[in-house]
Structures are given as structure tokens and as C-alpha cells.
Protein backbone atom coordinates (compact mmCIF):
# COMPACT_ATOMS: atom_id res chain seq x y z
CA UNK A 1 -86.72 6.95 -27.92
CA UNK A 2 -88.80 7.76 -30.94
CA UNK A 3 -86.10 6.22 -33.24
CA UNK A 4 -85.88 3.05 -31.22
CA UNK A 5 -89.64 2.47 -30.89
CA UNK A 6 -90.16 3.07 -34.68
CA UNK A 7 -87.61 0.41 -35.49
CA UNK A 8 -88.74 -2.16 -33.00
CA UNK A 9 -92.41 -1.79 -34.18
CA UNK A 10 -91.70 -1.56 -37.87
CA UNK A 11 -88.97 -4.18 -38.40
CA UNK A 12 -88.66 -7.81 -37.23
CA UNK A 13 -86.36 -8.71 -34.41
CA UNK A 14 -84.79 -12.13 -34.55
CA UNK A 15 -83.62 -14.01 -31.37
CA UNK A 16 -81.53 -16.39 -33.48
CA UNK A 17 -78.76 -15.64 -35.86
CA UNK A 18 -79.54 -14.99 -39.56
CA UNK A 19 -77.06 -14.66 -42.37
CA UNK A 20 -76.56 -11.21 -43.97
CA UNK A 21 -78.60 -10.78 -47.07
CA UNK A 22 -80.64 -13.88 -46.33
CA UNK A 23 -83.55 -12.42 -48.37
CA UNK A 24 -83.83 -11.77 -52.10
CA UNK A 25 -80.88 -9.75 -53.38
CA UNK A 26 -81.34 -7.02 -55.94
CA UNK A 27 -78.85 -4.83 -57.84
CA UNK A 28 -78.90 -1.47 -56.12
CA UNK A 29 -77.32 1.89 -57.00
CA UNK A 30 -75.08 3.25 -54.30
CA UNK A 31 -72.58 6.14 -53.67
CA UNK A 32 -69.57 5.13 -51.45
CA UNK A 33 -67.28 7.46 -49.65
CA UNK A 34 -64.11 5.88 -48.50
CA UNK A 35 -62.10 6.84 -45.45
CA UNK A 36 -59.28 8.32 -47.58
CA UNK A 37 -61.79 10.79 -49.12
CA UNK A 38 -62.28 8.85 -52.43
CA UNK A 39 -65.82 8.60 -53.74
CA UNK A 40 -67.28 6.13 -56.22
CA UNK A 41 -70.86 5.58 -57.57
CA UNK A 42 -72.09 2.34 -59.11
CA UNK A 43 -74.15 -0.62 -58.55
CA UNK A 44 -73.84 -3.54 -56.13
CA UNK A 45 -76.07 -6.54 -55.19
CA UNK A 46 -77.79 -6.20 -51.82
CA UNK A 47 -80.66 -7.64 -49.78
CA UNK A 48 -82.27 -6.68 -46.49
CA UNK A 49 -79.88 -5.18 -43.85
CA UNK A 50 -79.41 -7.33 -40.90
CA UNK A 51 -78.38 -5.09 -38.02
CA UNK A 52 -77.37 -6.54 -34.60
CA UNK A 53 -78.26 -3.98 -31.98
CA UNK A 54 -78.44 -3.82 -28.17
CA UNK A 55 -82.22 -4.45 -28.56
CA UNK A 56 -82.00 -7.45 -30.77
CA UNK A 57 -81.43 -8.35 -34.36
CA UNK A 58 -83.20 -6.16 -36.86
CA UNK A 59 -84.24 -7.29 -40.33
CA UNK A 60 -84.54 -3.90 -42.21
CA UNK A 61 -86.01 -4.02 -45.77
CA UNK A 62 -83.55 -2.56 -48.20
CA UNK A 63 -86.17 -0.14 -49.74
CA UNK A 64 -86.24 1.68 -46.38
CA UNK A 65 -82.37 2.03 -46.07
CA UNK A 66 -81.23 5.44 -47.29
CA UNK A 67 -77.68 5.61 -45.93
CA UNK A 68 -75.07 3.83 -43.86
CA UNK A 69 -72.21 5.18 -41.72
CA UNK A 70 -69.58 2.59 -41.00
CA UNK A 71 -68.18 2.37 -37.44
CA UNK A 72 -65.22 0.48 -36.13
CA UNK A 73 -66.21 -3.17 -35.25
CA UNK A 74 -63.69 -4.41 -32.63
CA UNK A 75 -61.77 -7.58 -33.64
CA UNK A 76 -61.64 -9.56 -30.42
CA UNK A 77 -59.50 -12.28 -31.97
CA UNK A 78 -56.33 -10.12 -31.27
CA UNK A 79 -57.28 -8.84 -27.85
CA UNK A 80 -54.88 -10.80 -25.72
CA UNK A 81 -51.95 -10.02 -28.16
CA UNK A 82 -52.71 -6.30 -28.16
CA UNK A 83 -52.88 -6.20 -24.38
CA UNK A 84 -49.54 -7.92 -24.06
CA UNK A 85 -47.96 -5.42 -26.55
CA UNK A 86 -49.23 -2.66 -24.42
CA UNK A 87 -47.87 -4.12 -21.28
CA UNK A 88 -44.55 -4.68 -23.12
CA UNK A 89 -44.18 -0.94 -23.50
CA UNK A 90 -43.58 -0.70 -19.73
CA UNK A 91 -40.42 -2.81 -20.21
CA UNK A 92 -37.16 -1.21 -19.20
CA UNK A 93 -35.61 -2.25 -22.51
CA UNK A 94 -36.04 0.53 -25.05
CA UNK A 95 -35.81 -2.08 -27.88
CA UNK A 96 -38.69 -4.03 -26.37
CA UNK A 97 -40.74 -0.91 -26.10
CA UNK A 98 -39.95 0.24 -29.69
CA UNK A 99 -40.76 -3.24 -31.02
CA UNK A 100 -44.11 -3.28 -29.26
CA UNK A 101 -44.78 0.33 -30.49
CA UNK A 102 -44.06 -0.48 -34.07
CA UNK A 103 -46.24 -3.49 -33.95
CA UNK A 104 -49.20 -1.59 -32.55
CA UNK A 105 -48.95 1.02 -35.27
CA UNK A 106 -49.24 -1.61 -37.96
CA UNK A 107 -52.49 -3.19 -36.64
CA UNK A 108 -55.88 -3.13 -38.49
CA UNK A 109 -58.91 -0.87 -37.99
CA UNK A 110 -60.66 -3.48 -35.96
CA UNK A 111 -57.85 -3.36 -33.35
CA UNK A 112 -58.34 0.39 -32.62
CA UNK A 113 -61.23 -0.08 -30.19
CA UNK A 114 -59.34 -2.86 -28.44
CA UNK A 115 -56.35 -0.47 -27.73
CA UNK A 116 -58.66 2.40 -26.80
CA UNK A 117 -60.79 0.36 -24.38
CA UNK A 118 -57.78 -1.05 -22.52
CA UNK A 119 -55.72 2.09 -22.10
CA UNK A 120 -58.74 3.99 -20.84
CA UNK A 121 -59.71 1.16 -18.45
CA UNK A 122 -58.86 0.78 -14.72
CA UNK A 123 -56.60 -2.15 -15.64
CA UNK A 124 -54.15 0.07 -17.50
CA UNK A 125 -51.25 1.50 -15.55
CA UNK A 126 -49.19 4.12 -17.49
CA UNK A 127 -45.53 3.33 -17.60
CA UNK A 128 -42.83 5.86 -16.44
CA UNK A 129 -41.33 5.91 -19.93
CA UNK A 130 -42.42 8.60 -22.41
CA UNK A 131 -40.48 7.61 -25.55
CA UNK A 132 -42.79 4.76 -26.81
CA UNK A 133 -46.28 4.93 -25.34
CA UNK A 134 -49.53 3.10 -26.27
CA UNK A 135 -51.36 6.50 -26.51
CA UNK A 136 -48.96 7.73 -29.08
CA UNK A 137 -49.21 4.39 -31.01
CA UNK A 138 -52.94 4.72 -31.02
CA UNK A 139 -52.87 8.20 -32.41
CA UNK A 140 -50.46 7.13 -35.27
CA UNK A 141 -52.52 3.99 -36.07
CA UNK A 142 -55.68 6.04 -36.44
CA UNK A 143 -53.94 8.69 -38.58
CA UNK A 144 -52.53 5.99 -40.93
CA UNK A 145 -56.07 4.55 -41.39
CA UNK A 146 -57.74 8.02 -41.72
CA UNK A 147 -59.80 7.55 -38.52
CA UNK A 148 -60.74 10.58 -36.43
CA UNK A 149 -62.14 10.72 -32.89
CA UNK A 150 -65.69 11.22 -34.11
CA UNK A 151 -65.86 7.66 -35.61
CA UNK A 152 -68.24 5.39 -33.59
CA UNK A 153 -67.69 1.79 -32.75
CA UNK A 154 -71.21 1.13 -34.23
CA UNK A 155 -72.42 1.05 -37.79
CA UNK A 156 -75.35 3.53 -38.01
CA UNK A 157 -78.13 2.83 -40.54
CA UNK A 158 -80.44 5.68 -41.65
CA UNK A 159 -83.96 4.58 -42.35
CA UNK A 160 -86.46 6.48 -44.62
CA UNK A 161 -84.05 9.45 -44.58
CA UNK A 162 -85.01 10.31 -40.99
CA UNK A 163 -84.58 7.54 -38.40
CA UNK A 164 -81.30 6.03 -37.31
CA UNK A 165 -80.16 2.94 -35.42
CA UNK A 166 -76.69 1.82 -34.32
CA UNK A 167 -75.39 -1.69 -34.20
CA UNK A 168 -73.23 -4.10 -36.09
CA UNK A 169 -73.84 -4.66 -39.86
CA UNK A 170 -71.78 -7.77 -40.62
CA UNK A 171 -70.28 -7.73 -44.07
CA UNK A 172 -66.71 -8.03 -45.31
CA UNK A 173 -66.78 -6.22 -48.66
CA UNK A 174 -68.98 -4.91 -51.46
CA UNK A 175 -68.39 -5.47 -55.17
CA UNK A 176 -69.18 -2.17 -56.84
CA UNK A 177 -69.78 -2.10 -60.59
CA UNK A 178 -68.67 1.30 -61.95
CA UNK A 179 -68.09 2.73 -65.46
CA UNK A 180 -64.42 1.94 -64.82
CA UNK A 181 -64.86 -1.64 -63.94
CA UNK A 182 -65.74 -3.58 -60.73
CA UNK A 183 -64.13 -2.44 -57.45
CA UNK A 184 -63.80 -4.57 -54.40
CA UNK A 185 -64.20 -2.34 -51.39
CA UNK A 186 -63.57 -3.78 -47.91
CA UNK A 187 -65.94 -2.60 -45.14
CA UNK A 188 -63.06 -1.20 -43.13
CA UNK A 189 -62.21 1.24 -46.01
CA UNK A 190 -65.79 2.47 -46.22
CA UNK A 191 -66.83 5.58 -44.21
CA UNK A 192 -70.33 6.24 -45.68
CA UNK A 193 -72.68 4.89 -48.19
CA UNK A 194 -75.83 6.35 -49.81
CA UNK A 195 -78.33 3.76 -51.07
CA UNK A 196 -80.65 4.63 -54.00
CA UNK A 197 -83.05 1.80 -53.97
CA UNK A 198 -84.75 1.22 -57.28
CA UNK A 199 -86.54 -1.99 -56.59
CA UNK A 200 -90.28 -2.78 -56.36
CA UNK A 201 -93.10 -0.24 -56.11
CA UNK A 202 -93.74 1.35 -52.79
CA UNK A 203 -97.21 2.52 -51.49
CA UNK A 204 -98.06 5.48 -49.24
CA UNK A 205 -101.43 6.92 -47.84
CA UNK A 206 -102.10 10.58 -48.03
CA UNK A 207 -104.65 11.60 -45.40
CA UNK A 208 -107.10 14.41 -46.19
CA UNK A 209 -107.03 15.83 -42.67
CA UNK A 210 -103.18 16.01 -42.60
CA UNK A 211 -101.29 15.76 -45.84
CA UNK A 212 -102.39 19.04 -47.45
CA UNK A 213 -99.80 21.28 -49.11
CA UNK A 214 -101.15 24.28 -47.16
CA UNK A 215 -100.54 22.59 -43.83
CA UNK A 216 -97.29 23.95 -42.53
CA UNK A 217 -97.14 21.30 -39.73
CA UNK A 218 -96.73 18.00 -41.32
CA UNK A 219 -98.59 18.65 -44.54
CA UNK A 220 -95.91 17.02 -46.77
CA UNK A 221 -95.36 13.29 -46.35
CA UNK A 222 -91.66 12.42 -46.29
CA UNK A 223 -91.44 9.17 -48.34
CA UNK A 224 -87.85 8.36 -47.42
CA UNK A 225 -87.05 7.79 -51.13
CA UNK A 226 -83.79 9.46 -52.04
CA UNK A 227 -83.66 10.62 -55.69
CA UNK A 228 -80.75 11.66 -57.77
CA UNK A 229 -81.06 14.04 -60.68
CA UNK A 230 -82.30 12.36 -63.81
CA UNK A 231 -83.78 9.25 -62.16
CA UNK A 232 -87.17 7.99 -63.59
CA UNK A 233 -90.15 8.41 -61.28
CA UNK A 234 -93.52 6.81 -61.65
CA UNK A 235 -96.43 8.00 -59.36
CA UNK A 236 -99.85 6.55 -59.57
CA UNK A 237 -102.60 7.70 -57.20
CA UNK A 238 -106.26 6.65 -56.53
CA UNK A 239 -108.82 7.39 -53.82
CA UNK A 240 -110.97 10.34 -52.83
CA UNK A 241 -110.64 13.25 -50.46
CA UNK A 242 -113.35 15.62 -49.22
CA UNK A 243 -111.98 19.13 -48.97
CA UNK A 244 -114.01 21.09 -46.44
CA UNK A 245 -112.84 24.51 -47.57
CA UNK A 246 -114.06 23.88 -51.02
CA UNK A 247 -117.83 23.33 -50.30
CA UNK A 248 -117.15 19.79 -48.94
CA UNK A 249 -116.55 18.69 -52.58
CA UNK A 250 -114.88 15.30 -52.99
CA UNK A 251 -111.73 15.35 -55.03
CA UNK A 252 -109.79 12.72 -56.96
CA UNK A 253 -106.00 12.81 -57.58
CA UNK A 254 -106.43 14.13 -61.10
CA UNK A 255 -108.44 17.14 -59.85
CA UNK A 256 -111.88 16.01 -60.92
CA UNK A 257 -114.71 16.39 -58.47
CA UNK A 258 -117.43 13.81 -57.61
CA UNK A 259 -120.68 15.69 -56.85
CA UNK A 260 -124.25 14.98 -56.25
CA UNK A 261 -126.68 16.84 -58.54
CA UNK A 262 -130.41 17.27 -58.36
CA UNK A 263 -132.30 14.04 -58.68
CA UNK A 264 -129.77 12.22 -56.55
CA UNK A 265 -127.59 11.07 -59.57
CA UNK A 266 -123.85 11.29 -59.29
CA UNK A 267 -121.68 12.57 -62.02
CA UNK A 268 -118.05 13.95 -62.61
CA UNK A 269 -117.95 17.70 -62.77
CA UNK A 270 -115.12 20.19 -63.14
CA UNK A 271 -115.28 23.05 -60.69
CA UNK A 272 -111.62 23.78 -60.53
CA UNK A 273 -109.49 26.81 -61.25
CA UNK A 274 -107.86 25.10 -64.33
CA UNK A 275 -109.40 22.69 -66.73
CA UNK A 276 -108.40 19.07 -65.87
CA UNK A 277 -107.71 18.39 -69.53
CA UNK A 278 -105.59 21.49 -69.97
CA UNK A 279 -102.30 19.67 -69.58
CA UNK A 280 -101.05 22.33 -67.32
CA UNK A 281 -98.08 21.52 -65.14
CA UNK A 282 -99.43 23.80 -62.46
CA UNK A 283 -101.36 21.84 -59.83
CA UNK A 284 -105.14 22.19 -59.25
CA UNK A 285 -107.12 21.50 -56.16
CA UNK A 286 -107.01 17.81 -55.11
CA UNK A 287 -103.89 17.01 -57.27
CA UNK A 288 -101.24 14.84 -55.86
CA UNK A 289 -98.19 17.03 -55.83
CA UNK A 290 -94.53 16.21 -55.00
CA UNK A 291 -91.24 17.94 -54.38
CA UNK A 292 -87.61 16.82 -54.14
CA UNK A 293 -86.07 18.03 -50.97
CA UNK A 294 -87.71 19.85 -48.10
CA UNK A 295 -87.31 23.16 -49.88
CA UNK A 296 -87.81 21.83 -53.31
CA UNK A 297 -90.21 23.29 -55.98
CA UNK A 298 -93.80 21.91 -55.75
CA UNK A 299 -94.67 19.92 -58.89
CA UNK A 300 -97.83 18.33 -60.16
CA UNK A 301 -98.25 14.64 -60.18
CA UNK A 302 -101.96 14.15 -60.48
CA UNK A 303 -103.32 10.62 -60.72
CA UNK A 304 -100.55 9.41 -63.00
CA UNK A 305 -97.05 10.86 -63.51
CA UNK A 306 -94.05 9.45 -65.33
CA UNK A 307 -90.91 11.62 -65.58
CA UNK A 308 -87.43 12.34 -64.47
CA UNK A 309 -86.13 13.83 -61.33
CA UNK A 310 -85.20 17.46 -61.78
CA UNK A 311 -83.20 17.62 -58.62
CA UNK A 312 -81.65 15.43 -55.94
CA UNK A 313 -82.88 14.75 -52.41
CA UNK A 314 -85.69 13.04 -50.52
CA UNK A 315 -89.07 12.83 -52.25
CA UNK A 316 -92.05 14.43 -50.48
CA UNK A 317 -95.74 14.11 -51.54
CA UNK A 318 -98.93 15.92 -50.64
CA UNK A 319 -102.36 17.01 -51.78
CA UNK A 320 -102.68 20.43 -53.30
CA UNK A 321 -104.94 22.91 -51.56
CA UNK A 322 -104.37 26.59 -50.61
CA UNK A 323 -106.27 26.23 -47.36
CA UNK A 324 -105.81 23.58 -44.69
CA UNK A 325 -108.89 22.39 -42.87
CA UNK A 326 -108.82 19.60 -40.21
CA UNK A 327 -112.47 18.73 -41.23
CA UNK A 328 -111.11 17.12 -44.43
CA UNK A 329 -111.84 13.43 -44.83
CA UNK A 330 -110.78 10.61 -47.06
CA UNK A 331 -107.34 9.53 -48.43
CA UNK A 332 -105.34 8.77 -51.48
CA UNK A 333 -103.31 5.68 -52.08
CA UNK A 334 -100.14 6.70 -53.87
CA UNK A 335 -97.82 4.15 -55.44
CA UNK A 336 -94.33 5.18 -56.37
CA UNK A 337 -91.52 3.37 -58.25
CA UNK A 338 -88.05 4.69 -59.00
CA UNK A 339 -85.53 3.43 -61.61
């Protein structure tokens, strides 16, 4: 239920048909796993993902899409022909049964669900013959197309690296630009696709009373941004957070403290364990910190960071503090872009 509610609230449902990629298209880096086990990485042009679900039509911004698992979309255009072929396998003529069997085993991936739905329905009556059966034809067809029993009839979209939604993602193929040239990959050949969006800047809010590195229950904000080793990361942060465990001092993302001194004037003062100007890569109180992967090493970002990913995985961000206190207040606005 959590997954469904998130999607229905966060993304727009359309009651009328919209074309795939109706929005602005961008060149996006992807990693594609084919059903035969082959894997390719490269760039393709994509826009928002239009997913038709049981709850309506979702328009999912591409920057939130992290992965796709392709199901088997039934091709209803051949339904009557397939049902007639299955019925033909009950014919007393062995040649007729063999002919129907061979034709069934040469069908396309979109016909698998049609065969399965019919032979497991109440309408199907198994024939007395055991030499050529629709069940055996289905097994052979799936084997020839590298389809196992775990494959769904729905396309499953992973959003922000955490939430999933199943439905129909209607596209025919992708043109993948690789170092070896451009590959044309039909949807039915694709099993899984990771999306490494490198488009416009994304913004996140770190809350002082929650997103603290010492908080073992939700202290790290999961951005949903999936990084691969070597990708360029830019992190800019602003705002102010009051850390209750540090004398209620108000910290900025670079570790400086805003404090009130005698006379009522306000000045910047450094009361941290490490000098702000030291250039140390070790975080100081109030710093924005990040890690790649849930068990990744914590790294200092501060108010401004430009660098390269030293690992691969989902990007997490937080505010550095060794003690978590729910009395903290304030927030940081963190803007992240990846290339």
C-alpha cells in the first residue's frame, strides 16, 4: 500500500491516453541486460516514463526512475489464432496436432501469456493425446525465448531506488549508443534496465530533527540517485540547523556556527573540533555528508562539493553529528547534480 500511495500522490494520473515520451527527451546513460544474458551499457534518448497501471496512467519523471524490469505484454491480436491452434491439438490426426504444435513453438514473446491464460482457464479441455500438447509447446516456446516462470506479465518500474509499480510501459525498442556503435534493442529482448539519469539538478531537504548521521533510524536521506564509479557529482547546500546537543548552536553546511555574543550582535565563530579552513576531508559538526550505498563510507560534502564517485550505488546524504537529538531544529536545502 505504501508503494501505491506514494506513486498516486507524487506522480500525475491521466484519464486520457498520452504518447510515450511526450515530455522533453534527454540523452540518458543506461545499462541493459538482455534475456539471453548479454549486457550492454551506453546512452539512449528518453523522456518521462508513461506507465499504464490498474490505478490509472502514471507520468513518472525520468529523474526518479532508477530501474525497469520488463514483463511479457500479451499480444491480443493473435488470440483467436492461438486458441484455434490449441484446439487443433485435440484432433485425431497426428499430422494436424504436430502442425499446430510446431506453429505454437514459433510464436513471439507476446503470445506466451495468451497460451498460458487459455490452457489454465476453465475453457480448456485437455485432449486424450500426449504426443503433442499445448503445455509442452508452451515450455518449448519459453525456453527458446529465455523466459522462466518468474517473469511477470507486467513491466515493473523502480522509483528512487526504493518504490516499485507494475503496469505496461509501451515502447517498441531503444536505440543504444555504445562504444561499438548503435544497437537497436527490441523491448521483448530486454529483461532489465538500470537508468543513470544525469539531467537537471535535483533538490532535497535535510531536516535537523531527523537527518542526522548519528540517527540510526532514518538519519540518512536516500536520494534515489544511482551512481556508478567515476561519475561527476556536484553538491551545494545552504540553510541553518540548530544542534541541541552542541549548546543549541546554529550550524551551516560548511561547519561554521552562527552565534550571538554580548551586546546582541551576531557574528560567525568557529567552535568546531576541526578548523573550517583546514581543508580536511574528515567531516565536522554541521557538515553535509554523503555516502554511496547503504553501507558506504561517510564522506564530507560541506556547503560545496565537486568530485567523482568513488563507488557505485544509491547516494545517501545527511548532517554530521555524533549525537542525535530530536530537539534539533532547522533544515538544509541540498542541490545535487550528476554527470
